[in-house]
Protein backbone atom coordinates (compact mmCIF):
# COMPACT_ATOMS: atom_id res chain seq x y z
CA MET A 1 192.21 -17.65 116.98
CA THR A 2 195.32 -17.65 115.02
CA LEU A 3 198.08 -19.94 114.38
CA ARG A 4 200.26 -17.54 116.82
CA SER A 5 197.96 -19.04 119.81
CA ILE A 6 198.73 -22.65 119.09
CA PRO A 7 201.58 -24.07 120.79
CA LEU A 8 204.22 -25.21 118.77
CA ILE A 9 205.77 -27.20 121.82
CA VAL A 10 202.88 -29.79 120.78
CA LEU A 11 204.85 -30.48 117.88
CA ALA A 12 207.71 -32.27 119.87
CA PHE A 13 204.63 -34.29 121.96
CA ILE A 14 203.40 -35.35 118.21
CA PHE A 15 206.93 -36.15 116.61
CA TYR A 16 207.81 -38.17 119.80
CA ASN A 17 204.44 -40.10 119.67
CA ILE A 18 204.97 -40.52 115.85
CA VAL A 19 207.96 -42.10 115.90
CA VAL A 20 207.55 -44.23 119.17
CA LEU A 21 204.31 -45.39 118.61
CA LEU A 22 204.30 -45.69 115.48
CA GLY A 23 207.92 -47.12 114.79
CA GLY A 24 207.35 -50.27 115.54
CA GLY A 25 208.84 -52.83 118.17
CA ALA A 26 207.70 -52.92 121.16
CA ASP A 27 210.53 -51.07 123.36
CA ALA A 28 210.71 -47.48 123.25
CA GLU A 29 214.21 -46.80 124.41
CA ALA A 30 215.43 -49.08 121.84
CA ILE A 31 213.64 -47.49 119.08
CA LEU A 32 214.64 -43.81 120.37
CA ARG A 33 218.87 -45.26 120.03
CA ASN A 34 218.51 -45.98 116.99
CA VAL A 35 221.23 -44.11 114.90
CA ILE A 36 220.19 -41.79 112.31
CA PHE A 37 223.30 -40.61 111.77
CA LYS A 38 227.09 -40.88 112.33
CA LEU A 39 230.10 -38.59 112.15
CA PRO A 40 233.37 -39.54 112.66
CA LYS A 41 236.28 -37.29 114.78
CA PHE A 42 237.98 -35.74 111.61
CA TRP A 43 240.66 -33.78 114.00
CA ALA A 44 242.18 -36.76 116.18
CA LEU A 45 242.42 -40.48 117.04
CA GLY A 46 242.11 -42.34 120.28
CA PRO A 47 244.43 -43.66 122.51
CA ASP A 48 244.10 -46.96 120.33
CA GLY A 49 244.29 -45.19 117.16
CA ALA A 50 240.63 -45.14 116.42
CA ARG A 51 238.74 -42.44 115.22
CA ALA A 52 236.28 -41.58 117.60
CA THR A 53 232.43 -41.14 116.04
CA TRP A 54 229.18 -39.23 117.02
CA SER A 55 226.69 -41.08 117.28
CA PHE A 56 222.95 -38.90 116.81
CA THR A 57 219.65 -40.85 117.24
CA TRP A 58 216.53 -40.30 117.21
CA GLY A 59 215.96 -39.43 120.93
CA ASP A 60 218.70 -36.58 120.39
CA LEU A 61 216.36 -35.21 117.43
CA ILE A 62 213.22 -35.54 119.17
CA LEU A 63 215.38 -33.82 122.50
CA LEU A 64 216.98 -30.84 119.51
CA VAL A 65 213.52 -30.32 117.97
CA THR A 66 211.76 -29.70 121.65
CA MET A 67 214.66 -27.23 122.75
CA LEU A 68 213.80 -25.69 119.50
CA LEU A 69 209.86 -25.02 120.06
CA LEU A 70 210.84 -24.18 123.57
CA PHE A 71 212.66 -21.01 122.08
CA VAL A 72 209.72 -20.35 119.84
CA GLU A 73 207.61 -20.56 122.35
CA LEU A 74 209.29 -18.03 124.71
CA LEU A 75 209.96 -15.77 122.74
CA LYS A 76 206.23 -15.83 121.65
CA SER A 77 205.33 -15.09 125.43
CA THR A 78 206.69 -11.74 124.97
CA TYR A 79 204.26 -10.83 123.18
CA THR A 80 201.25 -9.31 124.97
CA ALA A 81 197.77 -10.25 122.47
CA SER A 82 195.00 -11.41 122.99
CA SER A 83 195.92 -14.76 121.53
CA SER A 84 198.61 -15.11 123.95
CA LEU A 85 196.11 -16.38 126.83
CA VAL A 86 194.73 -18.65 124.42
CA ASP A 87 198.00 -19.81 123.37
CA HIS A 88 198.78 -19.77 127.39
CA GLY A 89 195.79 -22.00 127.94
CA LEU A 90 196.58 -24.38 125.27
CA SER A 91 200.07 -25.00 126.23
CA MET A 92 198.80 -25.84 129.98
CA LEU A 93 196.57 -28.65 128.11
CA VAL A 94 199.84 -29.75 125.98
CA PHE A 95 201.46 -30.22 129.24
CA ILE A 96 198.53 -31.74 131.08
CA ALA A 97 198.48 -33.96 128.04
CA CYS A 98 201.76 -35.13 128.75
CA GLY A 99 201.47 -35.89 131.96
CA VAL A 100 198.81 -37.80 131.83
CA GLU A 101 200.83 -39.95 128.83
CA PHE A 102 203.50 -39.64 130.77
CA LEU A 103 201.60 -41.81 133.58
CA LEU A 104 199.83 -44.35 131.57
CA VAL A 105 201.44 -45.58 128.44
CA ASP A 106 204.41 -47.90 128.82
CA LYS A 107 206.31 -46.33 125.44
CA ALA A 108 205.76 -42.62 126.89
CA PHE A 109 207.72 -43.69 130.47
CA THR A 110 211.24 -42.82 128.81
CA SER A 111 213.54 -39.95 130.08
CA VAL A 112 212.66 -38.64 126.30
CA PHE A 113 209.66 -38.03 127.03
CA PHE A 114 210.10 -37.01 130.47
CA LEU A 115 212.45 -34.31 128.98
CA ILE A 116 209.55 -33.11 126.71
CA MET A 117 207.33 -33.09 129.36
CA VAL A 118 209.37 -30.71 131.31
CA ALA A 119 209.80 -28.37 128.30
CA THR A 120 206.17 -28.10 128.24
CA LEU A 121 206.08 -27.40 132.04
CA ILE A 122 208.83 -24.52 131.15
CA ASP A 123 206.32 -23.23 128.14
CA VAL A 124 203.86 -22.91 130.30
CA VAL A 125 205.54 -21.27 133.59
CA ALA A 126 207.26 -18.76 131.57
CA GLY A 127 204.90 -18.34 129.59
CA TYR A 128 202.36 -16.71 132.08
CA THR A 129 205.65 -15.51 134.04
CA ILE A 130 206.84 -13.55 131.17
CA GLY A 131 203.33 -12.76 130.30
CA ILE A 132 202.73 -10.92 133.54
CA GLN A 133 206.07 -9.18 133.59
CA VAL A 134 205.81 -8.06 130.38
CA ALA A 135 202.12 -6.61 131.23
CA LYS A 136 203.44 -4.85 134.61
CA ARG A 137 205.63 -2.85 132.29
CA ASP A 138 203.13 -2.16 129.13
CA LEU A 139 200.82 -0.78 132.23
CA SER A 140 203.69 0.93 133.91
CA PHE A 141 205.11 2.61 130.30
CA GLY A 142 202.35 4.95 130.51
CA SER A 143 201.81 5.93 134.48
CA PRO A 144 204.37 8.40 135.82
CA SER A 145 206.73 7.45 138.23
């Protein structure tokens, strides 16, 4: 088993658990709403003369990381190798682990975690679907039409 066969989406799952479960406090939503940084709007003032600000929270960071990892996983699913079968199987296990945690752990019962779980589901479905299509293309490439 190579590093290529490890689903990277598991890093989003781990990252969420580190931030929320080890972040202290009882309320997961409050932890996810903690602001990491704020940026003022530079080019215009609001109707009241104040500058609008954009707040970037821990929940936003976790979802950004999840989307980037999902993109990489979709790219990985276009390769046909024996390690891709292991990757798809492990992706299914990550999705099952997300589903179990979502149902059983109170701090995982949030919209952010639900979207991580949806990303793992997309990884599983897209991985198998793209893998099948790529395999069909590879098989039909050598045969006459």
